[in-house]
Amino acid sequence: MTESSSSDLRYTDEKDASRFALHRGDDLLSVIDYRDDGRTISMTRAFTIPTFRGHGYAGELVERAVGDLEARGDRDIVPMCWYVAEWFDAHPDRAGILHAERSA
């Protein structure tokens, strides 16, 4: 991060809005929209507010959301958004939380 340390950032799971969010003070920096079916969290879109792009906030948010879901242990992740999928490609050690499609 160039503008703030990660300790200045606040992560929230806004269940009513079906999104994970990253804030600094009153500023909303980045969001991940999701769908929760009770077994999986489908991360459908990662978005950083244009004025805050280029500082690693989306990656920080994915990191925190994955960590949160790993700690909960009750959901797998389906990375529908290209950014989230690429994050998992870059972090293969975190792939254990990915939803494995099972064929019949």
PDB file of N, CA and C in Angstrom:
ATOM      1  N   MET A   1       0.844  -1.184   0.000  1.00  0.00           N
ATOM      2  CA  MET A   1       0.000   0.000   0.000  1.00  0.00           C
ATOM      3  C   MET A   1       0.883   1.238   0.000  1.00  0.00           C
ATOM      4  N   THR A   2       0.505   2.193  -0.740  1.00  0.00           N
ATOM      5  CA  THR A   2       1.324   3.392  -0.779  1.00  0.00           C
ATOM      6  C   THR A   2       0.786   4.506   0.107  1.00  0.00           C
ATOM      7  N   GLU A   3      -0.512   4.586   0.290  1.00  0.00           N
ATOM      8  CA  GLU A   3      -1.063   5.708   1.027  1.00  0.00           C
ATOM      9  C   GLU A   3      -1.335   5.413   2.499  1.00  0.00           C
ATOM     10  N   SER A   4      -1.579   4.182   2.842  1.00  0.00           N
ATOM     11  CA  SER A   4      -1.895   3.864   4.227  1.00  0.00           C
ATOM     12  C   SER A   4      -1.457   2.452   4.535  1.00  0.00           C
ATOM     13  N   SER A   5      -1.226   2.195   5.795  1.00  0.00           N
ATOM     14  CA  SER A   5      -0.900   0.828   6.178  1.00  0.00           C
ATOM     15  C   SER A   5      -2.194   0.035   6.249  1.00  0.00           C
ATOM     16  N   SER A   6      -2.061  -1.284   6.203  1.00  0.00           N
ATOM     17  CA  SER A   6      -3.272  -2.106   6.225  1.00  0.00           C
ATOM     18  C   SER A   6      -3.999  -1.991   7.560  1.00  0.00           C
ATOM     19  N   SER A   7      -3.318  -1.504   8.612  1.00  0.00           N
ATOM     20  CA  SER A   7      -4.000  -1.331   9.896  1.00  0.00           C
ATOM     21  C   SER A   7      -4.958  -0.138   9.877  1.00  0.00           C
ATOM     22  N   ASP A   8      -4.802   0.776   8.913  1.00  0.00           N
ATOM     23  CA  ASP A   8      -5.718   1.909   8.768  1.00  0.00           C
ATOM     24  C   ASP A   8      -7.005   1.509   8.062  1.00  0.00           C
ATOM     25  N   LEU A   9      -7.041   0.307   7.540  1.00  0.00           N
ATOM     26  CA  LEU A   9      -8.156  -0.137   6.721  1.00  0.00           C
ATOM     27  C   LEU A   9      -9.138  -0.945   7.555  1.00  0.00           C
ATOM     28  N   ARG A  10     -10.413  -0.828   7.191  1.00  0.00           N
ATOM     29  CA  ARG A  10     -11.469  -1.549   7.902  1.00  0.00           C
ATOM     30  C   ARG A  10     -12.215  -2.430   6.901  1.00  0.00           C
ATOM     31  N   TYR A  11     -12.257  -3.722   7.217  1.00  0.00           N
ATOM     32  CA  TYR A  11     -12.941  -4.721   6.402  1.00  0.00           C
ATOM     33  C   TYR A  11     -14.305  -4.998   7.019  1.00  0.00           C
ATOM     34  N   THR A  12     -15.331  -5.078   6.176  1.00  0.00           N
ATOM     35  CA  THR A  12     -16.654  -5.438   6.666  1.00  0.00           C
ATOM     36  C   THR A  12     -17.308  -6.430   5.706  1.00  0.00           C
ATOM     37  N   ASP A  13     -18.146  -7.290   6.277  1.00  0.00           N
ATOM     38  CA  ASP A  13     -19.009  -8.163   5.482  1.00  0.00           C
ATOM     39  C   ASP A  13     -20.399  -7.574   5.615  1.00  0.00           C
ATOM     40  N   GLU A  14     -20.839  -6.876   4.583  1.00  0.00           N
ATOM     41  CA  GLU A  14     -22.140  -6.202   4.592  1.00  0.00           C
ATOM     42  C   GLU A  14     -23.178  -7.169   4.029  1.00  0.00           C
ATOM     43  N   LYS A  15     -23.637  -8.059   4.896  1.00  0.00           N
ATOM     44  CA  LYS A  15     -24.533  -9.140   4.466  1.00  0.00           C
ATOM     45  C   LYS A  15     -25.811  -8.623   3.806  1.00  0.00           C
ATOM     46  N   ASP A  16     -26.372  -7.516   4.316  1.00  0.00           N
ATOM     47  CA  ASP A  16     -27.605  -6.967   3.733  1.00  0.00           C
ATOM     48  C   ASP A  16     -27.405  -6.519   2.293  1.00  0.00           C
ATOM     49  N   ALA A  17     -26.184  -6.100   1.948  1.00  0.00           N
ATOM     50  CA  ALA A  17     -25.868  -5.666   0.589  1.00  0.00           C
ATOM     51  C   ALA A  17     -25.175  -6.766  -0.212  1.00  0.00           C
ATOM     52  N   SER A  18     -24.932  -7.914   0.411  1.00  0.00           N
ATOM     53  CA  SER A  18     -24.211  -9.030  -0.229  1.00  0.00           C
ATOM     54  C   SER A  18     -22.885  -8.563  -0.807  1.00  0.00           C
ATOM     55  N   ARG A  19     -22.081  -7.930   0.077  1.00  0.00           N
ATOM     56  CA  ARG A  19     -20.765  -7.500  -0.388  1.00  0.00           C
ATOM     57  C   ARG A  19     -19.791  -7.415   0.782  1.00  0.00           C
ATOM     58  N   PHE A  20     -18.541  -7.669   0.449  1.00  0.00           N
ATOM     59  CA  PHE A  20     -17.435  -7.401   1.346  1.00  0.00           C
ATOM     60  C   PHE A  20     -16.943  -6.007   0.978  1.00  0.00           C
ATOM     61  N   ALA A  21     -16.515  -5.229   1.957  1.00  0.00           N
ATOM     62  CA  ALA A  21     -16.087  -3.866   1.672  1.00  0.00           C
ATOM     63  C   ALA A  21     -14.815  -3.531   2.433  1.00  0.00           C
ATOM     64  N   LEU A  22     -14.037  -2.643   1.851  1.00  0.00           N
ATOM     65  CA  LEU A  22     -12.825  -2.143   2.479  1.00  0.00           C
ATOM     66  C   LEU A  22     -12.942  -0.630   2.564  1.00  0.00           C
ATOM     67  N   HIS A  23     -12.772  -0.117   3.775  1.00  0.00           N
ATOM     68  CA  HIS A  23     -12.905   1.316   4.039  1.00  0.00           C
ATOM     69  C   HIS A  23     -11.611   1.850   4.642  1.00  0.00           C
ATOM     70  N   ARG A  24     -11.367   3.116   4.420  1.00  0.00           N
ATOM     71  CA  ARG A  24     -10.351   3.865   5.161  1.00  0.00           C
ATOM     72  C   ARG A  24     -11.067   5.099   5.685  1.00  0.00           C
ATOM     73  N   GLY A  25     -11.231   5.172   6.993  1.00  0.00           N
ATOM     74  CA  GLY A  25     -12.040   6.244   7.561  1.00  0.00           C
ATOM     75  C   GLY A  25     -13.450   6.139   7.025  1.00  0.00           C
ATOM     76  N   ASP A  26     -13.973   7.253   6.514  1.00  0.00           N
ATOM     77  CA  ASP A  26     -15.323   7.263   5.937  1.00  0.00           C
ATOM     78  C   ASP A  26     -15.336   6.891   4.461  1.00  0.00           C
ATOM     79  N   ASP A  27     -14.161   6.693   3.869  1.00  0.00           N
ATOM     80  CA  ASP A  27     -14.069   6.399   2.436  1.00  0.00           C
ATOM     81  C   ASP A  27     -14.260   4.921   2.150  1.00  0.00           C
ATOM     82  N   LEU A  28     -15.163   4.612   1.231  1.00  0.00           N
ATOM     83  CA  LEU A  28     -15.298   3.267   0.693  1.00  0.00           C
ATOM     84  C   LEU A  28     -14.252   3.127  -0.401  1.00  0.00           C
ATOM     85  N   LEU A  29     -13.364   2.147  -0.274  1.00  0.00           N
ATOM     86  CA  LEU A  29     -12.273   1.975  -1.229  1.00  0.00           C
ATOM     87  C   LEU A  29     -12.570   0.917  -2.285  1.00  0.00           C
ATOM     88  N   SER A  30     -13.057  -0.236  -1.828  1.00  0.00           N
ATOM     89  CA  SER A  30     -13.213  -1.371  -2.729  1.00  0.00           C
ATOM     90  C   SER A  30     -14.310  -2.291  -2.204  1.00  0.00           C
ATOM     91  N   VAL A  31     -14.969  -3.006  -3.121  1.00  0.00           N
ATOM     92  CA  VAL A  31     -16.014  -3.958  -2.741  1.00  0.00           C
ATOM     93  C   VAL A  31     -15.873  -5.241  -3.554  1.00  0.00           C
ATOM     94  N   ILE A  32     -16.372  -6.319  -2.965  1.00  0.00           N
ATOM     95  CA  ILE A  32     -16.569  -7.577  -3.687  1.00  0.00           C
ATOM     96  C   ILE A  32     -18.027  -7.946  -3.497  1.00  0.00           C
ATOM     97  N   ASP A  33     -18.777  -7.970  -4.584  1.00  0.00           N
ATOM     98  CA  ASP A  33     -20.168  -8.418  -4.530  1.00  0.00           C
ATOM     99  C   ASP A  33     -20.176  -9.939  -4.503  1.00  0.00           C
ATOM    100  N   TYR A  34     -21.141 -10.505  -3.784  1.00  0.00           N
ATOM    101  CA  TYR A  34     -21.212 -11.964  -3.718  1.00  0.00           C
ATOM    102  C   TYR A  34     -22.645 -12.461  -3.635  1.00  0.00           C
ATOM    103  N   ARG A  35     -22.781 -13.754  -3.943  1.00  0.00           N
ATOM    104  CA  ARG A  35     -24.036 -14.488  -3.729  1.00  0.00           C
ATOM    105  C   ARG A  35     -23.721 -15.627  -2.777  1.00  0.00           C
ATOM    106  N   ASP A  36     -24.533 -15.767  -1.755  1.00  0.00           N
ATOM    107  CA  ASP A  36     -24.343 -16.799  -0.735  1.00  0.00           C
ATOM    108  C   ASP A  36     -25.526 -17.753  -0.791  1.00  0.00           C
ATOM    109  N   ASP A  37     -25.263 -19.011  -1.123  1.00  0.00           N
ATOM    110  CA  ASP A  37     -26.355 -19.988  -1.196  1.00  0.00           C
ATOM    111  C   ASP A  37     -26.400 -20.897   0.039  1.00  0.00           C
ATOM    112  N   GLY A  38     -25.641 -20.549   1.063  1.00  0.00           N
ATOM    113  CA  GLY A  38     -25.612 -21.348   2.280  1.00  0.00           C
ATOM    114  C   GLY A  38     -24.497 -22.377   2.319  1.00  0.00           C
ATOM    115  N   ARG A  39     -23.924 -22.688   1.169  1.00  0.00           N
ATOM    116  CA  ARG A  39     -22.794 -23.610   1.080  1.00  0.00           C
ATOM    117  C   ARG A  39     -21.586 -22.956   0.437  1.00  0.00           C
ATOM    118  N   THR A  40     -21.861 -22.077  -0.543  1.00  0.00           N
ATOM    119  CA  THR A  40     -20.772 -21.411  -1.260  1.00  0.00           C
ATOM    120  C   THR A  40     -21.011 -19.903  -1.294  1.00  0.00           C
ATOM    121  N   ILE A  41     -19.908 -19.192  -1.431  1.00  0.00           N
ATOM    122  CA  ILE A  41     -19.938 -17.749  -1.678  1.00  0.00           C
ATOM    123  C   ILE A  41     -19.411 -17.568  -3.096  1.00  0.00           C
ATOM    124  N   SER A  42     -20.265 -17.131  -4.002  1.00  0.00           N
ATOM    125  CA  SER A  42     -19.847 -16.826  -5.375  1.00  0.00           C
ATOM    126  C   SER A  42     -19.453 -15.354  -5.416  1.00  0.00           C
ATOM    127  N   MET A  43     -18.160 -15.099  -5.589  1.00  0.00           N
ATOM    128  CA  MET A  43     -17.672 -13.722  -5.682  1.00  0.00           C
ATOM    129  C   MET A  43     -17.863 -13.271  -7.117  1.00  0.00           C
ATOM    130  N   THR A  44     -18.850 -12.406  -7.327  1.00  0.00           N
ATOM    131  CA  THR A  44     -19.285 -12.069  -8.676  1.00  0.00           C
ATOM    132  C   THR A  44     -18.622 -10.833  -9.267  1.00  0.00           C
ATOM    133  N   ARG A  45     -18.145  -9.905  -8.417  1.00  0.00           N
ATOM    134  CA  ARG A  45     -17.541  -8.684  -8.946  1.00  0.00           C
ATOM    135  C   ARG A  45     -16.658  -8.057  -7.890  1.00  0.00           C
ATOM    136  N   ALA A  46     -15.434  -7.724  -8.273  1.00  0.00           N
ATOM    137  CA  ALA A  46     -14.547  -6.924  -7.438  1.00  0.00           C
ATOM    138  C   ALA A  46     -14.453  -5.552  -8.095  1.00  0.00           C
ATOM    139  N   PHE A  47     -14.562  -4.515  -7.286  1.00  0.00           N
ATOM    140  CA  PHE A  47     -14.562  -3.156  -7.825  1.00  0.00           C
ATOM    141  C   PHE A  47     -13.870  -2.219  -6.848  1.00  0.00           C
ATOM    142  N   THR A  48     -12.962  -1.415  -7.364  1.00  0.00           N
ATOM    143  CA  THR A  48     -12.327  -0.369  -6.573  1.00  0.00           C
ATOM    144  C   THR A  48     -12.799   0.970  -7.106  1.00  0.00           C
ATOM    145  N   ILE A  49     -13.174   1.866  -6.197  1.00  0.00           N
ATOM    146  CA  ILE A  49     -13.600   3.206  -6.580  1.00  0.00           C
ATOM    147  C   ILE A  49     -12.470   3.833  -7.402  1.00  0.00           C
ATOM    148  N   PRO A  50     -12.778   4.390  -8.584  1.00  0.00           N
ATOM    149  CA  PRO A  50     -11.726   4.851  -9.490  1.00  0.00           C
ATOM    150  C   PRO A  50     -10.649   5.740  -8.853  1.00  0.00           C
ATOM    151  N   THR A  51     -11.010   6.638  -7.968  1.00  0.00           N
ATOM    152  CA  THR A  51     -10.001   7.524  -7.378  1.00  0.00           C
ATOM    153  C   THR A  51      -9.035   6.786  -6.454  1.00  0.00           C
ATOM    154  N   PHE A  52      -9.355   5.547  -6.082  1.00  0.00           N
ATOM    155  CA  PHE A  52      -8.492   4.780  -5.180  1.00  0.00           C
ATOM    156  C   PHE A  52      -7.786   3.620  -5.874  1.00  0.00           C
ATOM    157  N   ARG A  53      -7.916   3.515  -7.193  1.00  0.00           N
ATOM    158  CA  ARG A  53      -7.286   2.417  -7.919  1.00  0.00           C
ATOM    159  C   ARG A  53      -5.761   2.568  -7.927  1.00  0.00           C
ATOM    160  N   GLY A  54      -5.098   1.430  -8.068  1.00  0.00           N
ATOM    161  CA  GLY A  54      -3.651   1.432  -8.200  1.00  0.00           C
ATOM    162  C   GLY A  54      -2.896   1.363  -6.884  1.00  0.00           C
ATOM    163  N   HIS A  55      -3.587   1.114  -5.786  1.00  0.00           N
ATOM    164  CA  HIS A  55      -2.945   1.068  -4.478  1.00  0.00           C
ATOM    165  C   HIS A  55      -3.040  -0.302  -3.815  1.00  0.00           C
ATOM    166  N   GLY A  56      -3.554  -1.299  -4.546  1.00  0.00           N
ATOM    167  CA  GLY A  56      -3.624  -2.650  -4.016  1.00  0.00           C
ATOM    168  C   GLY A  56      -4.820  -2.933  -3.129  1.00  0.00           C
ATOM    169  N   TYR A  57      -5.816  -2.051  -3.146  1.00  0.00           N
ATOM    170  CA  TYR A  57      -6.960  -2.241  -2.251  1.00  0.00           C
ATOM    171  C   TYR A  57      -7.805  -3.459  -2.607  1.00  0.00           C
ATOM    172  N   ALA A  58      -7.981  -3.743  -3.885  1.00  0.00           N
ATOM    173  CA  ALA A  58      -8.770  -4.919  -4.274  1.00  0.00           C
ATOM    174  C   ALA A  58      -8.091  -6.201  -3.802  1.00  0.00           C
ATOM    175  N   GLY A  59      -6.793  -6.279  -3.967  1.00  0.00           N
ATOM    176  CA  GLY A  59      -6.055  -7.446  -3.493  1.00  0.00           C
ATOM    177  C   GLY A  59      -6.133  -7.594  -1.980  1.00  0.00           C
ATOM    178  N   GLU A  60      -6.019  -6.480  -1.279  1.00  0.00           N
ATOM    179  CA  GLU A  60      -6.155  -6.484   0.176  1.00  0.00           C
ATOM    180  C   GLU A  60      -7.539  -6.968   0.586  1.00  0.00           C
ATOM    181  N   LEU A  61      -8.554  -6.531  -0.134  1.00  0.00           N
ATOM    182  CA  LEU A  61      -9.917  -6.940   0.183  1.00  0.00           C
ATOM    183  C   LEU A  61     -10.118  -8.430  -0.070  1.00  0.00           C
ATOM    184  N   VAL A  62      -9.619  -8.940  -1.183  1.00  0.00           N
ATOM    185  CA  VAL A  62      -9.738 -10.380  -1.450  1.00  0.00           C
ATOM    186  C   VAL A  62      -9.025 -11.154  -0.337  1.00  0.00           C
ATOM    187  N   GLU A  63      -7.841 -10.718   0.024  1.00  0.00           N
ATOM    188  CA  GLU A  63      -7.076 -11.371   1.102  1.00  0.00           C
ATOM    189  C   GLU A  63      -7.886 -11.439   2.395  1.00  0.00           C
ATOM    190  N   ARG A  64      -8.488 -10.328   2.768  1.00  0.00           N
ATOM    191  CA  ARG A  64      -9.255 -10.290   4.016  1.00  0.00           C
ATOM    192  C   ARG A  64     -10.535 -11.121   3.930  1.00  0.00           C
ATOM    193  N   ALA A  65     -11.216 -11.071   2.787  1.00  0.00           N
ATOM    194  CA  ALA A  65     -12.447 -11.850   2.628  1.00  0.00           C
ATOM    195  C   ALA A  65     -12.142 -13.345   2.658  1.00  0.00           C
ATOM    196  N   VAL A  66     -11.095 -13.755   1.976  1.00  0.00           N
ATOM    197  CA  VAL A  66     -10.708 -15.172   1.980  1.00  0.00           C
ATOM    198  C   VAL A  66     -10.326 -15.596   3.396  1.00  0.00           C
ATOM    199  N   GLY A  67      -9.552 -14.776   4.086  1.00  0.00           N
ATOM    200  CA  GLY A  67      -9.175 -15.092   5.456  1.00  0.00           C
ATOM    201  C   GLY A  67     -10.383 -15.216   6.369  1.00  0.00           C
ATOM    202  N   ASP A  68     -11.347 -14.311   6.196  1.00  0.00           N
ATOM    203  CA  ASP A  68     -12.578 -14.340   6.981  1.00  0.00           C
ATOM    204  C   ASP A  68     -13.340 -15.638   6.730  1.00  0.00           C
ATOM    205  N   LEU A  69     -13.482 -16.007   5.461  1.00  0.00           N
ATOM    206  CA  LEU A  69     -14.224 -17.217   5.110  1.00  0.00           C
ATOM    207  C   LEU A  69     -13.476 -18.472   5.549  1.00  0.00           C
ATOM    208  N   GLU A  70     -12.152 -18.455   5.464  1.00  0.00           N
ATOM    209  CA  GLU A  70     -11.377 -19.596   5.957  1.00  0.00           C
ATOM    210  C   GLU A  70     -11.584 -19.762   7.471  1.00  0.00           C
ATOM    211  N   ALA A  71     -11.587 -18.660   8.194  1.00  0.00           N
ATOM    212  CA  ALA A  71     -11.768 -18.710   9.648  1.00  0.00           C
ATOM    213  C   ALA A  71     -13.163 -19.220  10.015  1.00  0.00           C
ATOM    214  N   ARG A  72     -14.158 -18.808   9.246  1.00  0.00           N
ATOM    215  CA  ARG A  72     -15.527 -19.279   9.509  1.00  0.00           C
ATOM    216  C   ARG A  72     -15.648 -20.769   9.229  1.00  0.00           C
ATOM    217  N   GLY A  73     -15.054 -21.206   8.116  1.00  0.00           N
ATOM    218  CA  GLY A  73     -15.018 -22.621   7.775  1.00  0.00           C
ATOM    219  C   GLY A  73     -16.330 -23.230   7.313  1.00  0.00           C
ATOM    220  N   ASP A  74     -17.314 -22.411   6.977  1.00  0.00           N
ATOM    221  CA  ASP A  74     -18.619 -22.969   6.608  1.00  0.00           C
ATOM    222  C   ASP A  74     -19.025 -22.706   5.164  1.00  0.00           C
ATOM    223  N   ARG A  75     -18.131 -22.117   4.362  1.00  0.00           N
ATOM    224  CA  ARG A  75     -18.437 -21.830   2.964  1.00  0.00           C
ATOM    225  C   ARG A  75     -17.203 -22.078   2.110  1.00  0.00           C
ATOM    226  N   ASP A  76     -17.432 -22.552   0.887  1.00  0.00           N
ATOM    227  CA  ASP A  76     -16.405 -22.590  -0.145  1.00  0.00           C
ATOM    228  C   ASP A  76     -16.594 -21.353  -1.016  1.00  0.00           C
ATOM    229  N   ILE A  77     -15.563 -21.017  -1.766  1.00  0.00           N
ATOM    230  CA  ILE A  77     -15.613 -19.844  -2.647  1.00  0.00           C
ATOM    231  C   ILE A  77     -15.679 -20.292  -4.099  1.00  0.00           C
ATOM    232  N   VAL A  78     -16.554 -19.636  -4.854  1.00  0.00           N
ATOM    233  CA  VAL A  78     -16.608 -19.778  -6.312  1.00  0.00           C
ATOM    234  C   VAL A  78     -16.174 -18.423  -6.878  1.00  0.00           C
ATOM    235  N   PRO A  79     -14.975 -18.355  -7.475  1.00  0.00           N
ATOM    236  CA  PRO A  79     -14.481 -17.078  -7.990  1.00  0.00           C
ATOM    237  C   PRO A  79     -15.021 -16.773  -9.386  1.00  0.00           C
ATOM    238  N   MET A  80     -16.202 -16.189  -9.462  1.00  0.00           N
ATOM    239  CA  MET A  80     -16.819 -15.876 -10.751  1.00  0.00           C
ATOM    240  C   MET A  80     -16.200 -14.634 -11.397  1.00  0.00           C
ATOM    241  N   CYS A  81     -15.679 -13.744 -10.598  1.00  0.00           N
ATOM    242  CA  CYS A  81     -15.045 -12.515 -11.082  1.00  0.00           C
ATOM    243  C   CYS A  81     -13.618 -12.820 -11.528  1.00  0.00           C
ATOM    244  N   TRP A  82     -13.208 -12.269 -12.670  1.00  0.00           N
ATOM    245  CA  TRP A  82     -11.868 -12.532 -13.199  1.00  0.00           C
ATOM    246  C   TRP A  82     -10.783 -12.099 -12.217  1.00  0.00           C
ATOM    247  N   TYR A  83     -10.993 -11.003 -11.503  1.00  0.00           N
ATOM    248  CA  TYR A  83      -9.958 -10.509 -10.583  1.00  0.00           C
ATOM    249  C   TYR A  83      -9.743 -11.503  -9.441  1.00  0.00           C
ATOM    250  N   VAL A  84     -10.838 -11.991  -8.876  1.00  0.00           N
ATOM    251  CA  VAL A  84     -10.747 -12.962  -7.782  1.00  0.00           C
ATOM    252  C   VAL A  84     -10.102 -14.255  -8.282  1.00  0.00           C
ATOM    253  N   ALA A  85     -10.474 -14.705  -9.471  1.00  0.00           N
ATOM    254  CA  ALA A  85      -9.874 -15.916 -10.048  1.00  0.00           C
ATOM    255  C   ALA A  85      -8.367 -15.732 -10.230  1.00  0.00           C
ATOM    256  N   GLU A  86      -7.937 -14.569 -10.718  1.00  0.00           N
ATOM    257  CA  GLU A  86      -6.509 -14.317 -10.894  1.00  0.00           C
ATOM    258  C   GLU A  86      -5.795 -14.224  -9.546  1.00  0.00           C
ATOM    259  N   TRP A  87      -6.481 -13.700  -8.527  1.00  0.00           N
ATOM    260  CA  TRP A  87      -5.886 -13.645  -7.195  1.00  0.00           C
ATOM    261  C   TRP A  87      -5.596 -15.057  -6.706  1.00  0.00           C
ATOM    262  N   PHE A  88      -6.543 -15.978  -6.893  1.00  0.00           N
ATOM    263  CA  PHE A  88      -6.320 -17.364  -6.489  1.00  0.00           C
ATOM    264  C   PHE A  88      -5.213 -18.016  -7.320  1.00  0.00           C
ATOM    265  N   ASP A  89      -5.105 -17.673  -8.599  1.00  0.00           N
ATOM    266  CA  ASP A  89      -4.010 -18.196  -9.421  1.00  0.00           C
ATOM    267  C   ASP A  89      -2.662 -17.764  -8.849  1.00  0.00           C
ATOM    268  N   ALA A  90      -2.609 -16.540  -8.326  1.00  0.00           N
ATOM    269  CA  ALA A  90      -1.368 -16.002  -7.761  1.00  0.00           C
ATOM    270  C   ALA A  90      -1.119 -16.493  -6.332  1.00  0.00           C
ATOM    271  N   HIS A  91      -2.128 -17.083  -5.707  1.00  0.00           N
ATOM    272  CA  HIS A  91      -2.025 -17.573  -4.327  1.00  0.00           C
ATOM    273  C   HIS A  91      -2.507 -19.024  -4.245  1.00  0.00           C
ATOM    274  N   PRO A  92      -1.806 -19.948  -4.921  1.00  0.00           N
ATOM    275  CA  PRO A  92      -2.278 -21.337  -4.955  1.00  0.00           C
ATOM    276  C   PRO A  92      -2.346 -21.982  -3.570  1.00  0.00           C
ATOM    277  N   ASP A  93      -1.613 -21.448  -2.609  1.00  0.00           N
ATOM    278  CA  ASP A  93      -1.657 -21.982  -1.254  1.00  0.00           C
ATOM    279  C   ASP A  93      -3.008 -21.749  -0.574  1.00  0.00           C
ATOM    280  N   ARG A  94      -3.834 -20.892  -1.145  1.00  0.00           N
ATOM    281  CA  ARG A  94      -5.149 -20.592  -0.576  1.00  0.00           C
ATOM    282  C   ARG A  94      -6.277 -21.341  -1.290  1.00  0.00           C
ATOM    283  N   ALA A  95      -5.947 -22.197  -2.242  1.00  0.00           N
ATOM    284  CA  ALA A  95      -6.944 -22.870  -3.078  1.00  0.00           C
ATOM    285  C   ALA A  95      -7.798 -23.880  -2.315  1.00  0.00           C
ATOM    286  N   GLY A  96      -7.433 -24.223  -1.097  1.00  0.00           N
ATOM    287  CA  GLY A  96      -8.206 -25.190  -0.333  1.00  0.00           C
ATOM    288  C   GLY A  96      -9.631 -24.758  -0.044  1.00  0.00           C
ATOM    289  N   ILE A  97      -9.904 -23.460  -0.136  1.00  0.00           N
ATOM    290  CA  ILE A  97     -11.255 -22.960   0.134  1.00  0.00           C
ATOM    291  C   ILE A  97     -12.107 -22.891  -1.134  1.00  0.00           C
ATOM    292  N   LEU A  98     -11.498 -23.146  -2.279  1.00  0.00           N
ATOM    293  CA  LEU A  98     -12.252 -23.087  -3.532  1.00  0.00           C
ATOM    294  C   LEU A  98     -13.242 -24.239  -3.620  1.00  0.00           C
ATOM    295  N   HIS A  99     -14.406 -23.953  -4.171  1.00  0.00           N
ATOM    296  CA  HIS A  99     -15.434 -24.967  -4.366  1.00  0.00           C
ATOM    297  C   HIS A  99     -15.000 -25.906  -5.480  1.00  0.00           C
ATOM    298  N   ALA A 100     -15.004 -27.176  -5.176  1.00  0.00           N
ATOM    299  CA  ALA A 100     -14.662 -28.193  -6.184  1.00  0.00           C
ATOM    300  C   ALA A 100     -15.959 -28.709  -6.787  1.00  0.00           C
ATOM    301  N   GLU A 101     -16.088 -28.522  -8.085  1.00  0.00           N
ATOM    302  CA  GLU A 101     -17.260 -29.062  -8.785  1.00  0.00           C
ATOM    303  C   GLU A 101     -17.177 -30.579  -8.769  1.00  0.00           C
ATOM    304  N   ARG A 102     -18.244 -31.192  -8.386  1.00  0.00           N
ATOM    305  CA  ARG A 102     -18.285 -32.644  -8.339  1.00  0.00           C
ATOM    306  C   ARG A 102     -19.136 -33.166  -9.488  1.00  0.00           C
ATOM    307  N   SER A 103     -18.569 -34.053 -10.267  1.00  0.00           N
ATOM    308  CA  SER A 103     -19.346 -34.615 -11.372  1.00  0.00           C
ATOM    309  C   SER A 103     -20.092 -35.858 -10.889  1.00  0.00           C
ATOM    310  N   ALA A 104     -21.232 -36.089 -11.499  1.00  0.00           N
ATOM    311  CA  ALA A 104     -22.088 -37.205 -11.075  1.00  0.00           C
ATOM    312  C   ALA A 104     -21.594 -38.524 -11.601  1.00  0.00           C
TER     313      ALA A 104
END
